[in-house]
């Protein structure tokens, strides 16, 4: 019987995120402590750290806004460009390509097609 517990990929990913978060918090405390040792009051150093966080968040939102706008414009352009196709335009005889029956063609002859007998032509 195997009693070894295996760590799943999700758990490993969670540990990785936790280590990253703890490292970030350690760096933030280090920066805040350095600002206090430079003579800044504690509340100002905390406020300065929060201002930097909010500035980074605002930059990310700004980037996401322009990225989403470009994506919407690309989709709209593709939709407009896809709206007109060659199948919508009439062919040289003025009839729609899908609706035109080959029997209506100018050079139609039932000999060339495996069609039902056409009353316009006499079988010889």
PDB file of N, CA and C in Angstrom:
ATOM      1  N   UNK A   1       0.839  -1.171   0.000  1.00  0.00           N
ATOM      2  CA  UNK A   1       0.000   0.000   0.000  1.00  0.00           C
ATOM      3  C   UNK A   1       0.888   1.238   0.000  1.00  0.00           C
ATOM      4  N   UNK A   2       0.574   2.155  -0.882  1.00  0.00           N
ATOM      5  CA  UNK A   2       1.350   3.377  -1.033  1.00  0.00           C
ATOM      6  C   UNK A   2       0.743   4.460  -0.136  1.00  0.00           C
ATOM      7  N   UNK A   3       1.485   4.930   0.838  1.00  0.00           N
ATOM      8  CA  UNK A   3       0.983   5.940   1.776  1.00  0.00           C
ATOM      9  C   UNK A   3       1.547   7.324   1.497  1.00  0.00           C
ATOM     10  N   UNK A   4       2.247   7.477   0.407  1.00  0.00           N
ATOM     11  CA  UNK A   4       2.825   8.774   0.063  1.00  0.00           C
ATOM     12  C   UNK A   4       1.718   9.660  -0.507  1.00  0.00           C
ATOM     13  N   UNK A   5       1.562  10.849   0.072  1.00  0.00           N
ATOM     14  CA  UNK A   5       0.581  11.796  -0.471  1.00  0.00           C
ATOM     15  C   UNK A   5       1.261  12.646  -1.528  1.00  0.00           C
ATOM     16  N   UNK A   6       0.587  12.791  -2.593  1.00  0.00           N
ATOM     17  CA  UNK A   6       1.141  13.556  -3.713  1.00  0.00           C
ATOM     18  C   UNK A   6       0.508  14.947  -3.732  1.00  0.00           C
ATOM     19  N   UNK A   7       1.328  15.913  -4.074  1.00  0.00           N
ATOM     20  CA  UNK A   7       0.858  17.292  -4.158  1.00  0.00           C
ATOM     21  C   UNK A   7       0.357  17.530  -5.581  1.00  0.00           C
ATOM     22  N   UNK A   8      -0.853  18.038  -5.690  1.00  0.00           N
ATOM     23  CA  UNK A   8      -1.427  18.289  -7.013  1.00  0.00           C
ATOM     24  C   UNK A   8      -0.826  19.556  -7.611  1.00  0.00           C
ATOM     25  N   UNK A   9      -1.061  19.720  -8.890  1.00  0.00           N
ATOM     26  CA  UNK A   9      -0.554  20.914  -9.574  1.00  0.00           C
ATOM     27  C   UNK A   9      -1.216  22.180  -9.039  1.00  0.00           C
ATOM     28  N   UNK A  10      -2.492  22.083  -8.685  1.00  0.00           N
ATOM     29  CA  UNK A  10      -3.189  23.241  -8.139  1.00  0.00           C
ATOM     30  C   UNK A  10      -2.586  23.648  -6.793  1.00  0.00           C
ATOM     31  N   UNK A  11      -2.275  22.652  -5.962  1.00  0.00           N
ATOM     32  CA  UNK A  11      -1.679  22.958  -4.662  1.00  0.00           C
ATOM     33  C   UNK A  11      -0.279  23.544  -4.837  1.00  0.00           C
ATOM     34  N   UNK A  12       0.470  22.982  -5.774  1.00  0.00           N
ATOM     35  CA  UNK A  12       1.817  23.508  -6.050  1.00  0.00           C
ATOM     36  C   UNK A  12       1.735  24.949  -6.551  1.00  0.00           C
ATOM     37  N   UNK A  13       0.754  25.229  -7.423  1.00  0.00           N
ATOM     38  CA  UNK A  13       0.562  26.593  -7.915  1.00  0.00           C
ATOM     39  C   UNK A  13       0.180  27.528  -6.769  1.00  0.00           C
ATOM     40  N   UNK A  14      -0.664  27.061  -5.849  1.00  0.00           N
ATOM     41  CA  UNK A  14      -1.029  27.862  -4.683  1.00  0.00           C
ATOM     42  C   UNK A  14       0.163  28.172  -3.798  1.00  0.00           C
ATOM     43  N   UNK A  15       1.032  27.185  -3.604  1.00  0.00           N
ATOM     44  CA  UNK A  15       2.251  27.429  -2.830  1.00  0.00           C
ATOM     45  C   UNK A  15       3.132  28.463  -3.517  1.00  0.00           C
ATOM     46  N   UNK A  16       3.229  28.357  -4.835  1.00  0.00           N
ATOM     47  CA  UNK A  16       4.036  29.311  -5.595  1.00  0.00           C
ATOM     48  C   UNK A  16       3.485  30.725  -5.442  1.00  0.00           C
ATOM     49  N   UNK A  17       2.151  30.872  -5.564  1.00  0.00           N
ATOM     50  CA  UNK A  17       1.538  32.190  -5.375  1.00  0.00           C
ATOM     51  C   UNK A  17       1.752  32.708  -3.960  1.00  0.00           C
ATOM     52  N   UNK A  18       1.634  31.832  -2.971  1.00  0.00           N
ATOM     53  CA  UNK A  18       1.847  32.233  -1.582  1.00  0.00           C
ATOM     54  C   UNK A  18       3.267  32.713  -1.339  1.00  0.00           C
ATOM     55  N   UNK A  19       4.245  32.012  -1.901  1.00  0.00           N
ATOM     56  CA  UNK A  19       5.645  32.457  -1.759  1.00  0.00           C
ATOM     57  C   UNK A  19       5.848  33.813  -2.416  1.00  0.00           C
ATOM     58  N   UNK A  20       5.230  33.994  -3.592  1.00  0.00           N
ATOM     59  CA  UNK A  20       5.350  35.294  -4.262  1.00  0.00           C
ATOM     60  C   UNK A  20       4.721  36.412  -3.455  1.00  0.00           C
ATOM     61  N   UNK A  21       3.557  36.141  -2.881  1.00  0.00           N
ATOM     62  CA  UNK A  21       2.870  37.163  -2.085  1.00  0.00           C
ATOM     63  C   UNK A  21       3.673  37.504  -0.822  1.00  0.00           C
ATOM     64  N   UNK A  22       4.208  36.482  -0.158  1.00  0.00           N
ATOM     65  CA  UNK A  22       5.018  36.745   1.037  1.00  0.00           C
ATOM     66  C   UNK A  22       6.269  37.537   0.677  1.00  0.00           C
ATOM     67  N   UNK A  23       6.885  37.214  -0.470  1.00  0.00           N
ATOM     68  CA  UNK A  23       8.056  37.976  -0.906  1.00  0.00           C
ATOM     69  C   UNK A  23       7.710  39.430  -1.195  1.00  0.00           C
ATOM     70  N   UNK A  24       6.552  39.642  -1.830  1.00  0.00           N
ATOM     71  CA  UNK A  24       6.110  41.015  -2.105  1.00  0.00           C
ATOM     72  C   UNK A  24       5.881  41.781  -0.801  1.00  0.00           C
ATOM     73  N   UNK A  25       5.217  41.156   0.154  1.00  0.00           N
ATOM     74  CA  UNK A  25       4.940  41.819   1.432  1.00  0.00           C
ATOM     75  C   UNK A  25       6.236  42.112   2.187  1.00  0.00           C
ATOM     76  N   UNK A  26       7.200  41.189   2.122  1.00  0.00           N
ATOM     77  CA  UNK A  26       8.494  41.429   2.757  1.00  0.00           C
ATOM     78  C   UNK A  26       9.183  42.636   2.136  1.00  0.00           C
ATOM     79  N   UNK A  27       9.131  42.720   0.790  1.00  0.00           N
ATOM     80  CA  UNK A  27       9.745  43.870   0.119  1.00  0.00           C
ATOM     81  C   UNK A  27       9.039  45.170   0.456  1.00  0.00           C
ATOM     82  N   UNK A  28       7.708  45.117   0.565  1.00  0.00           N
ATOM     83  CA  UNK A  28       6.966  46.321   0.921  1.00  0.00           C
ATOM     84  C   UNK A  28       7.319  46.786   2.338  1.00  0.00           C
ATOM     85  N   UNK A  29       7.417  45.851   3.275  1.00  0.00           N
ATOM     86  CA  UNK A  29       7.816  46.221   4.641  1.00  0.00           C
ATOM     87  C   UNK A  29       9.238  46.764   4.667  1.00  0.00           C
ATOM     88  N   UNK A  30      10.111  46.180   3.812  1.00  0.00           N
ATOM     89  CA  UNK A  30      11.492  46.649   3.759  1.00  0.00           C
ATOM     90  C   UNK A  30      11.547  48.088   3.242  1.00  0.00           C
ATOM     91  N   UNK A  31      10.775  48.381   2.194  1.00  0.00           N
ATOM     92  CA  UNK A  31      10.751  49.743   1.645  1.00  0.00           C
ATOM     93  C   UNK A  31      10.157  50.707   2.663  1.00  0.00           C
ATOM     94  N   UNK A  32       9.079  50.301   3.323  1.00  0.00           N
ATOM     95  CA  UNK A  32       8.453  51.158   4.317  1.00  0.00           C
ATOM     96  C   UNK A  32       9.421  51.413   5.483  1.00  0.00           C
ATOM     97  N   UNK A  33      10.119  50.380   5.918  1.00  0.00           N
ATOM     98  CA  UNK A  33      11.102  50.546   6.996  1.00  0.00           C
ATOM     99  C   UNK A  33      12.246  51.445   6.575  1.00  0.00           C
ATOM    100  N   UNK A  34      12.687  51.318   5.331  1.00  0.00           N
ATOM    101  CA  UNK A  34      13.780  52.171   4.846  1.00  0.00           C
ATOM    102  C   UNK A  34      13.340  53.626   4.827  1.00  0.00           C
ATOM    103  N   UNK A  35      12.080  53.876   4.407  1.00  0.00           N
ATOM    104  CA  UNK A  35      11.581  55.253   4.397  1.00  0.00           C
ATOM    105  C   UNK A  35      11.516  55.821   5.805  1.00  0.00           C
ATOM    106  N   UNK A  36      11.154  54.989   6.784  1.00  0.00           N
ATOM    107  CA  UNK A  36      11.100  55.454   8.179  1.00  0.00           C
ATOM    108  C   UNK A  36      12.503  55.751   8.685  1.00  0.00           C
ATOM    109  N   UNK A  37      13.487  54.923   8.309  1.00  0.00           N
ATOM    110  CA  UNK A  37      14.864  55.189   8.759  1.00  0.00           C
ATOM    111  C   UNK A  37      15.436  56.439   8.096  1.00  0.00           C
ATOM    112  N   UNK A  38      14.875  56.844   6.961  1.00  0.00           N
ATOM    113  CA  UNK A  38      15.333  58.065   6.296  1.00  0.00           C
ATOM    114  C   UNK A  38      14.729  59.314   6.944  1.00  0.00           C
ATOM    115  N   UNK A  39      13.840  59.127   7.923  1.00  0.00           N
ATOM    116  CA  UNK A  39      13.288  60.265   8.647  1.00  0.00           C
ATOM    117  C   UNK A  39      11.839  60.571   8.314  1.00  0.00           C
ATOM    118  N   UNK A  40      11.203  59.778   7.477  1.00  0.00           N
ATOM    119  CA  UNK A  40       9.793  59.988   7.134  1.00  0.00           C
ATOM    120  C   UNK A  40       8.911  59.413   8.240  1.00  0.00           C
ATOM    121  N   UNK A  41       7.845  60.100   8.604  1.00  0.00           N
ATOM    122  CA  UNK A  41       6.936  59.509   9.593  1.00  0.00           C
ATOM    123  C   UNK A  41       6.285  58.236   9.044  1.00  0.00           C
ATOM    124  N   UNK A  42       5.849  57.365   9.938  1.00  0.00           N
ATOM    125  CA  UNK A  42       5.311  56.077   9.561  1.00  0.00           C
ATOM    126  C   UNK A  42       4.069  56.214   8.700  1.00  0.00           C
ATOM    127  N   UNK A  43       3.167  57.115   9.084  1.00  0.00           N
ATOM    128  CA  UNK A  43       1.925  57.241   8.302  1.00  0.00           C
ATOM    129  C   UNK A  43       2.198  57.779   6.905  1.00  0.00           C
ATOM    130  N   UNK A  44       3.213  58.618   6.743  1.00  0.00           N
ATOM    131  CA  UNK A  44       3.543  59.132   5.408  1.00  0.00           C
ATOM    132  C   UNK A  44       4.164  58.019   4.554  1.00  0.00           C
ATOM    133  N   UNK A  45       5.021  57.194   5.158  1.00  0.00           N
ATOM    134  CA  UNK A  45       5.618  56.100   4.386  1.00  0.00           C
ATOM    135  C   UNK A  45       4.542  55.096   3.967  1.00  0.00           C
ATOM    136  N   UNK A  46       3.575  54.838   4.858  1.00  0.00           N
ATOM    137  CA  UNK A  46       2.472  53.937   4.510  1.00  0.00           C
ATOM    138  C   UNK A  46       1.631  54.543   3.394  1.00  0.00           C
ATOM    139  N   UNK A  47       1.355  55.849   3.496  1.00  0.00           N
ATOM    140  CA  UNK A  47       0.572  56.523   2.457  1.00  0.00           C
ATOM    141  C   UNK A  47       1.314  56.514   1.125  1.00  0.00           C
ATOM    142  N   UNK A  48       2.624  56.694   1.170  1.00  0.00           N
ATOM    143  CA  UNK A  48       3.417  56.694  -0.059  1.00  0.00           C
ATOM    144  C   UNK A  48       3.391  55.315  -0.730  1.00  0.00           C
ATOM    145  N   UNK A  49       3.459  54.261   0.054  1.00  0.00           N
ATOM    146  CA  UNK A  49       3.379  52.908  -0.497  1.00  0.00           C
ATOM    147  C   UNK A  49       2.016  52.698  -1.148  1.00  0.00           C
ATOM    148  N   UNK A  50       0.948  53.187  -0.497  1.00  0.00           N
ATOM    149  CA  UNK A  50      -0.392  53.051  -1.064  1.00  0.00           C
ATOM    150  C   UNK A  50      -0.549  53.872  -2.340  1.00  0.00           C
ATOM    151  N   UNK A  51       0.064  55.048  -2.393  1.00  0.00           N
ATOM    152  CA  UNK A  51      -0.004  55.873  -3.604  1.00  0.00           C
ATOM    153  C   UNK A  51       0.674  55.144  -4.765  1.00  0.00           C
ATOM    154  N   UNK A  52       1.797  54.501  -4.501  1.00  0.00           N
ATOM    155  CA  UNK A  52       2.482  53.747  -5.552  1.00  0.00           C
ATOM    156  C   UNK A  52       1.617  52.573  -6.006  1.00  0.00           C
ATOM    157  N   UNK A  53       0.984  51.856  -5.066  1.00  0.00           N
ATOM    158  CA  UNK A  53       0.096  50.750  -5.427  1.00  0.00           C
ATOM    159  C   UNK A  53      -1.048  51.238  -6.307  1.00  0.00           C
ATOM    160  N   UNK A  54      -1.678  52.343  -5.913  1.00  0.00           N
ATOM    161  CA  UNK A  54      -2.798  52.865  -6.694  1.00  0.00           C
ATOM    162  C   UNK A  54      -2.356  53.359  -8.064  1.00  0.00           C
ATOM    163  N   UNK A  55      -1.151  53.932  -8.159  1.00  0.00           N
ATOM    164  CA  UNK A  55      -0.635  54.387  -9.452  1.00  0.00           C
ATOM    165  C   UNK A  55      -0.404  53.189 -10.386  1.00  0.00           C
ATOM    166  N   UNK A  56       0.139  52.111  -9.852  1.00  0.00           N
ATOM    167  CA  UNK A  56       0.347  50.906 -10.663  1.00  0.00           C
ATOM    168  C   UNK A  56      -0.998  50.338 -11.098  1.00  0.00           C
ATOM    169  N   UNK A  57      -1.976  50.309 -10.185  1.00  0.00           N
ATOM    170  CA  UNK A  57      -3.302  49.806 -10.527  1.00  0.00           C
ATOM    171  C   UNK A  57      -3.961  50.676 -11.601  1.00  0.00           C
ATOM    172  N   UNK A  58      -3.817  52.001 -11.479  1.00  0.00           N
ATOM    173  CA  UNK A  58      -4.375  52.899 -12.491  1.00  0.00           C
ATOM    174  C   UNK A  58      -3.706  52.677 -13.849  1.00  0.00           C
ATOM    175  N   UNK A  59      -2.407  52.451 -13.849  1.00  0.00           N
ATOM    176  CA  UNK A  59      -1.704  52.153 -15.105  1.00  0.00           C
ATOM    177  C   UNK A  59      -2.192  50.863 -15.741  1.00  0.00           C
ATOM    178  N   UNK A  60      -2.440  49.852 -14.922  1.00  0.00           N
ATOM    179  CA  UNK A  60      -2.954  48.591 -15.454  1.00  0.00           C
ATOM    180  C   UNK A  60      -4.360  48.764 -16.029  1.00  0.00           C
ATOM    181  N   UNK A  61      -5.209  49.531 -15.336  1.00  0.00           N
ATOM    182  CA  UNK A  61      -6.548  49.795 -15.864  1.00  0.00           C
ATOM    183  C   UNK A  61      -6.481  50.588 -17.170  1.00  0.00           C
ATOM    184  N   UNK A  62      -5.580  51.545 -17.255  1.00  0.00           N
ATOM    185  CA  UNK A  62      -5.414  52.332 -18.470  1.00  0.00           C
ATOM    186  C   UNK A  62      -5.014  51.434 -19.639  1.00  0.00           C
ATOM    187  N   UNK A  63      -4.054  50.565 -19.393  1.00  0.00           N
ATOM    188  CA  UNK A  63      -3.606  49.629 -20.421  1.00  0.00           C
ATOM    189  C   UNK A  63      -4.735  48.687 -20.832  1.00  0.00           C
ATOM    190  N   UNK A  64      -5.467  48.175 -19.852  1.00  0.00           N
ATOM    191  CA  UNK A  64      -6.569  47.249 -20.150  1.00  0.00           C
ATOM    192  C   UNK A  64      -7.668  47.956 -20.938  1.00  0.00           C
ATOM    193  N   UNK A  65      -7.941  49.222 -20.632  1.00  0.00           N
ATOM    194  CA  UNK A  65      -8.954  49.970 -21.372  1.00  0.00           C
ATOM    195  C   UNK A  65      -8.588  50.085 -22.837  1.00  0.00           C
ATOM    196  N   UNK A  66      -7.354  50.490 -23.137  1.00  0.00           N
ATOM    197  CA  UNK A  66      -6.951  50.659 -24.528  1.00  0.00           C
ATOM    198  C   UNK A  66      -6.862  49.320 -25.254  1.00  0.00           C
ATOM    199  N   UNK A  67      -6.455  48.278 -24.558  1.00  0.00           N
ATOM    200  CA  UNK A  67      -6.415  46.956 -25.163  1.00  0.00           C
ATOM    201  C   UNK A  67      -7.826  46.484 -25.512  1.00  0.00           C
ATOM    202  N   UNK A  68      -8.769  46.698 -24.599  1.00  0.00           N
ATOM    203  CA  UNK A  68     -10.155  46.298 -24.868  1.00  0.00           C
ATOM    204  C   UNK A  68     -10.751  47.129 -26.001  1.00  0.00           C
ATOM    205  N   UNK A  69     -10.443  48.416 -26.048  1.00  0.00           N
ATOM    206  CA  UNK A  69     -10.943  49.269 -27.123  1.00  0.00           C
ATOM    207  C   UNK A  69     -10.407  48.821 -28.481  1.00  0.00           C
ATOM    208  N   UNK A  70      -9.132  48.473 -28.537  1.00  0.00           N
ATOM    209  CA  UNK A  70      -8.556  47.991 -29.793  1.00  0.00           C
ATOM    210  C   UNK A  70      -9.189  46.663 -30.200  1.00  0.00           C
ATOM    211  N   UNK A  71      -9.478  45.794 -29.231  1.00  0.00           N
ATOM    212  CA  UNK A  71     -10.121  44.524 -29.532  1.00  0.00           C
ATOM    213  C   UNK A  71     -11.530  44.740 -30.068  1.00  0.00           C
ATOM    214  N   UNK A  72     -12.279  45.658 -29.463  1.00  0.00           N
ATOM    215  CA  UNK A  72     -13.640  45.954 -29.937  1.00  0.00           C
ATOM    216  C   UNK A  72     -13.595  46.530 -31.344  1.00  0.00           C
ATOM    217  N   UNK A  73     -12.666  47.417 -31.614  1.00  0.00           N
ATOM    218  CA  UNK A  73     -12.543  47.995 -32.957  1.00  0.00           C
ATOM    219  C   UNK A  73     -12.154  46.929 -33.982  1.00  0.00           C
ATOM    220  N   UNK A  74     -11.278  46.010 -33.602  1.00  0.00           N
ATOM    221  CA  UNK A  74     -10.890  44.939 -34.529  1.00  0.00           C
ATOM    222  C   UNK A  74     -12.071  44.026 -34.836  1.00  0.00           C
ATOM    223  N   UNK A  75     -12.861  43.703 -33.822  1.00  0.00           N
ATOM    224  CA  UNK A  75     -14.035  42.854 -34.042  1.00  0.00           C
ATOM    225  C   UNK A  75     -15.060  43.580 -34.900  1.00  0.00           C
ATOM    226  N   UNK A  76     -15.276  44.876 -34.639  1.00  0.00           N
ATOM    227  CA  UNK A  76     -16.233  45.653 -35.431  1.00  0.00           C
ATOM    228  C   UNK A  76     -15.778  45.759 -36.878  1.00  0.00           C
ATOM    229  N   UNK A  77     -14.493  45.959 -37.081  1.00  0.00           N
ATOM    230  CA  UNK A  77     -13.960  46.039 -38.446  1.00  0.00           C
ATOM    231  C   UNK A  77     -14.128  44.710 -39.171  1.00  0.00           C
ATOM    232  N   UNK A  78     -13.853  43.616 -38.484  1.00  0.00           N
ATOM    233  CA  UNK A  78     -14.021  42.304 -39.107  1.00  0.00           C
ATOM    234  C   UNK A  78     -15.494  42.040 -39.412  1.00  0.00           C
ATOM    235  N   UNK A  79     -16.376  42.490 -38.547  1.00  0.00           N
ATOM    236  CA  UNK A  79     -17.810  42.280 -38.769  1.00  0.00           C
ATOM    237  C   UNK A  79     -18.289  43.078 -39.976  1.00  0.00           C
ATOM    238  N   UNK A  80     -17.832  44.329 -40.083  1.00  0.00           N
ATOM    239  CA  UNK A  80     -18.231  45.163 -41.219  1.00  0.00           C
ATOM    240  C   UNK A  80     -17.638  44.612 -42.512  1.00  0.00           C
ATOM    241  N   UNK A  81     -16.382  44.202 -42.467  1.00  0.00           N
ATOM    242  CA  UNK A  81     -15.745  43.660 -43.665  1.00  0.00           C
ATOM    243  C   UNK A  81     -16.372  42.329 -44.073  1.00  0.00           C
ATOM    244  N   UNK A  82     -16.827  41.558 -43.120  1.00  0.00           N
ATOM    245  CA  UNK A  82     -17.447  40.282 -43.433  1.00  0.00           C
ATOM    246  C   UNK A  82     -18.868  40.432 -43.940  1.00  0.00           C
ATOM    247  N   UNK A  83     -19.461  41.609 -43.779  1.00  0.00           N
ATOM    248  CA  UNK A  83     -20.834  41.833 -44.209  1.00  0.00           C
ATOM    249  C   UNK A  83     -20.991  41.864 -45.714  1.00  0.00           C
ATOM    250  N   UNK A  84     -19.984  42.309 -46.413  1.00  0.00           N
ATOM    251  CA  UNK A  84     -20.077  42.347 -47.880  1.00  0.00           C
ATOM    252  C   UNK A  84     -19.221  41.222 -48.446  1.00  0.00           C
ATOM    253  N   UNK A  85     -19.849  40.370 -49.226  1.00  0.00           N
ATOM    254  CA  UNK A  85     -19.107  39.287 -49.859  1.00  0.00           C
ATOM    255  C   UNK A  85     -19.510  39.217 -51.324  1.00  0.00           C
ATOM    256  N   UNK A  86     -18.771  38.445 -52.080  1.00  0.00           N
ATOM    257  CA  UNK A  86     -19.050  38.325 -53.512  1.00  0.00           C
ATOM    258  C   UNK A  86     -20.364  37.606 -53.768  1.00  0.00           C
ATOM    259  N   UNK A  87     -20.823  36.790 -52.845  1.00  0.00           N
ATOM    260  CA  UNK A  87     -22.060  36.059 -53.050  1.00  0.00           C
ATOM    261  C   UNK A  87     -23.264  36.986 -52.981  1.00  0.00           C
ATOM    262  N   UNK A  88     -23.138  38.126 -52.314  1.00  0.00           N
ATOM    263  CA  UNK A  88     -24.243  39.065 -52.218  1.00  0.00           C
ATOM    264  C   UNK A  88     -24.421  39.872 -53.504  1.00  0.00           C
ATOM    265  N   UNK A  89     -23.381  39.952 -54.300  1.00  0.00           N
ATOM    266  CA  UNK A  89     -23.439  40.747 -55.517  1.00  0.00           C
ATOM    267  C   UNK A  89     -23.993  39.891 -56.668  1.00  0.00           C
ATOM    268  N   UNK A  90     -24.779  40.490 -57.556  1.00  0.00           N
ATOM    269  CA  UNK A  90     -25.306  39.711 -58.689  1.00  0.00           C
ATOM    270  C   UNK A  90     -24.190  39.375 -59.673  1.00  0.00           C
ATOM    271  N   UNK A  91     -24.354  38.266 -60.376  1.00  0.00           N
ATOM    272  CA  UNK A  91     -23.359  37.874 -61.359  1.00  0.00           C
ATOM    273  C   UNK A  91     -23.579  38.646 -62.666  1.00  0.00           C
ATOM    274  N   UNK A  92     -22.868  38.266 -63.727  1.00  0.00           N
ATOM    275  CA  UNK A  92     -22.905  39.050 -64.958  1.00  0.00           C
ATOM    276  C   UNK A  92     -24.266  39.015 -65.640  1.00  0.00           C
ATOM    277  N   UNK A  93     -25.105  38.027 -65.341  1.00  0.00           N
ATOM    278  CA  UNK A  93     -26.438  37.982 -65.929  1.00  0.00           C
ATOM    279  C   UNK A  93     -27.467  38.732 -65.081  1.00  0.00           C
ATOM    280  N   UNK A  94     -27.036  39.198 -63.897  1.00  0.00           N
ATOM    281  CA  UNK A  94     -27.933  39.960 -63.050  1.00  0.00           C
ATOM    282  C   UNK A  94     -28.748  39.124 -62.087  1.00  0.00           C
ATOM    283  N   UNK A  95     -28.511  37.822 -62.013  1.00  0.00           N
ATOM    284  CA  UNK A  95     -29.258  36.981 -61.080  1.00  0.00           C
ATOM    285  C   UNK A  95     -28.332  36.538 -59.953  1.00  0.00           C
ATOM    286  N   UNK A  96     -28.915  36.157 -58.863  1.00  0.00           N
ATOM    287  CA  UNK A  96     -28.130  35.707 -57.721  1.00  0.00           C
ATOM    288  C   UNK A  96     -27.524  34.345 -58.028  1.00  0.00           C
ATOM    289  N   UNK A  97     -26.315  34.107 -57.582  1.00  0.00           N
ATOM    290  CA  UNK A  97     -25.612  32.870 -57.911  1.00  0.00           C
ATOM    291  C   UNK A  97     -26.304  31.653 -57.308  1.00  0.00           C
ATOM    292  N   UNK A  98     -26.806  31.767 -56.046  1.00  0.00           N
ATOM    293  CA  UNK A  98     -27.437  30.613 -55.416  1.00  0.00           C
ATOM    294  C   UNK A  98     -28.813  30.331 -56.000  1.00  0.00           C
ATOM    295  N   UNK A  99     -29.509  31.357 -56.422  1.00  0.00           N
ATOM    296  CA  UNK A  99     -30.888  31.197 -56.871  1.00  0.00           C
ATOM    297  C   UNK A  99     -31.000  30.818 -58.347  1.00  0.00           C
ATOM    298  N   UNK A 100     -29.931  30.961 -59.084  1.00  0.00           N
ATOM    299  CA  UNK A 100     -29.979  30.707 -60.514  1.00  0.00           C
ATOM    300  C   UNK A 100     -30.007  29.213 -60.805  1.00  0.00           C
ATOM    301  N   UNK A 101     -30.937  28.802 -61.616  1.00  0.00           N
ATOM    302  CA  UNK A 101     -31.041  27.410 -62.036  1.00  0.00           C
ATOM    303  C   UNK A 101     -30.248  27.259 -63.326  1.00  0.00           C
ATOM    304  N   UNK A 102     -29.533  26.152 -63.461  1.00  0.00           N
ATOM    305  CA  UNK A 102     -28.732  25.985 -64.681  1.00  0.00           C
ATOM    306  C   UNK A 102     -29.609  25.850 -65.920  1.00  0.00           C
ATOM    307  N   UNK A 103     -30.878  25.549 -65.744  1.00  0.00           N
ATOM    308  CA  UNK A 103     -31.772  25.458 -66.895  1.00  0.00           C
ATOM    309  C   UNK A 103     -32.111  26.833 -67.454  1.00  0.00           C
ATOM    310  N   UNK A 104     -31.911  27.845 -66.635  1.00  0.00           N
ATOM    311  CA  UNK A 104     -32.180  29.210 -67.093  1.00  0.00           C
ATOM    312  C   UNK A 104     -30.993  29.797 -67.837  1.00  0.00           C
ATOM    313  N   UNK A 105     -29.909  29.073 -67.910  1.00  0.00           N
ATOM    314  CA  UNK A 105     -28.711  29.556 -68.570  1.00  0.00           C
ATOM    315  C   UNK A 105     -28.957  29.760 -70.063  1.00  0.00           C
ATOM    316  N   UNK A 106     -28.207  30.660 -70.648  1.00  0.00           N
ATOM    317  CA  UNK A 106     -28.354  30.992 -72.054  1.00  0.00           C
ATOM    318  C   UNK A 106     -28.009  29.807 -72.951  1.00  0.00           C
ATOM    319  N   UNK A 107     -27.009  29.021 -72.567  1.00  0.00           N
ATOM    320  CA  UNK A 107     -26.531  27.919 -73.396  1.00  0.00           C
ATOM    321  C   UNK A 107     -26.964  26.556 -72.845  1.00  0.00           C
ATOM    322  N   UNK A 108     -28.104  26.492 -72.215  1.00  0.00           N
ATOM    323  CA  UNK A 108     -28.577  25.229 -71.638  1.00  0.00           C
ATOM    324  C   UNK A 108     -29.025  24.267 -72.727  1.00  0.00           C
ATOM    325  N   UNK A 109     -28.586  23.021 -72.578  1.00  0.00           N
ATOM    326  CA  UNK A 109     -29.059  21.933 -73.428  1.00  0.00           C
ATOM    327  C   UNK A 109     -29.151  20.707 -72.528  1.00  0.00           C
ATOM    328  N   UNK A 110     -30.295  20.023 -72.502  1.00  0.00           N
ATOM    329  CA  UNK A 110     -30.449  18.894 -71.578  1.00  0.00           C
ATOM    330  C   UNK A 110     -29.504  17.733 -71.852  1.00  0.00           C
ATOM    331  N   UNK A 111     -28.893  17.704 -73.038  1.00  0.00           N
ATOM    332  CA  UNK A 111     -27.951  16.627 -73.344  1.00  0.00           C
ATOM    333  C   UNK A 111     -26.733  16.703 -72.421  1.00  0.00           C
ATOM    334  N   UNK A 112     -26.353  17.913 -72.054  1.00  0.00           N
ATOM    335  CA  UNK A 112     -25.156  18.112 -71.247  1.00  0.00           C
ATOM    336  C   UNK A 112     -25.385  17.836 -69.760  1.00  0.00           C
ATOM    337  N   UNK A 113     -26.620  17.685 -69.334  1.00  0.00           N
ATOM    338  CA  UNK A 113     -26.933  17.495 -67.920  1.00  0.00           C
ATOM    339  C   UNK A 113     -27.751  16.230 -67.740  1.00  0.00           C
ATOM    340  N   UNK A 114     -27.707  15.675 -66.585  1.00  0.00           N
ATOM    341  CA  UNK A 114     -28.505  14.503 -66.251  1.00  0.00           C
ATOM    342  C   UNK A 114     -29.777  15.005 -65.553  1.00  0.00           C
ATOM    343  N   UNK A 115     -30.632  15.657 -66.304  1.00  0.00           N
ATOM    344  CA  UNK A 115     -31.839  16.264 -65.765  1.00  0.00           C
ATOM    345  C   UNK A 115     -33.062  15.462 -66.169  1.00  0.00           C
ATOM    346  N   UNK A 116     -34.172  15.810 -65.529  1.00  0.00           N
ATOM    347  CA  UNK A 116     -35.448  15.284 -65.974  1.00  0.00           C
ATOM    348  C   UNK A 116     -35.744  15.883 -67.347  1.00  0.00           C
ATOM    349  N   UNK A 117     -36.605  15.223 -68.112  1.00  0.00           N
ATOM    350  CA  UNK A 117     -36.931  15.778 -69.442  1.00  0.00           C
ATOM    351  C   UNK A 117     -37.492  17.190 -69.312  1.00  0.00           C
ATOM    352  N   UNK A 118     -37.037  18.050 -70.198  1.00  0.00           N
ATOM    353  CA  UNK A 118     -37.460  19.442 -70.195  1.00  0.00           C
ATOM    354  C   UNK A 118     -38.501  19.607 -71.304  1.00  0.00           C
ATOM    355  N   UNK A 119     -39.683  20.140 -70.987  1.00  0.00           N
ATOM    356  CA  UNK A 119     -40.711  20.264 -72.017  1.00  0.00           C
ATOM    357  C   UNK A 119     -40.340  21.251 -73.119  1.00  0.00           C
ATOM    358  N   UNK A 120     -39.346  22.072 -72.901  1.00  0.00           N
ATOM    359  CA  UNK A 120     -38.969  23.020 -73.942  1.00  0.00           C
ATOM    360  C   UNK A 120     -38.196  22.365 -75.073  1.00  0.00           C
ATOM    361  N   UNK A 121     -37.654  21.181 -74.795  1.00  0.00           N
ATOM    362  CA  UNK A 121     -36.852  20.480 -75.795  1.00  0.00           C
ATOM    363  C   UNK A 121     -37.527  19.153 -76.120  1.00  0.00           C
ATOM    364  N   UNK A 122     -37.506  18.807 -77.397  1.00  0.00           N
ATOM    365  CA  UNK A 122     -38.063  17.530 -77.825  1.00  0.00           C
ATOM    366  C   UNK A 122     -36.967  16.478 -77.792  1.00  0.00           C
ATOM    367  N   UNK A 123     -37.278  15.314 -77.255  1.00  0.00           N
ATOM    368  CA  UNK A 123     -36.297  14.234 -77.244  1.00  0.00           C
ATOM    369  C   UNK A 123     -36.226  13.623 -78.643  1.00  0.00           C
ATOM    370  N   UNK A 124     -35.063  13.418 -79.136  1.00  0.00           N
ATOM    371  CA  UNK A 124     -34.891  12.810 -80.458  1.00  0.00           C
ATOM    372  C   UNK A 124     -34.515  11.393 -80.339  1.00  0.00           C
TER     373      UNK A 124
END
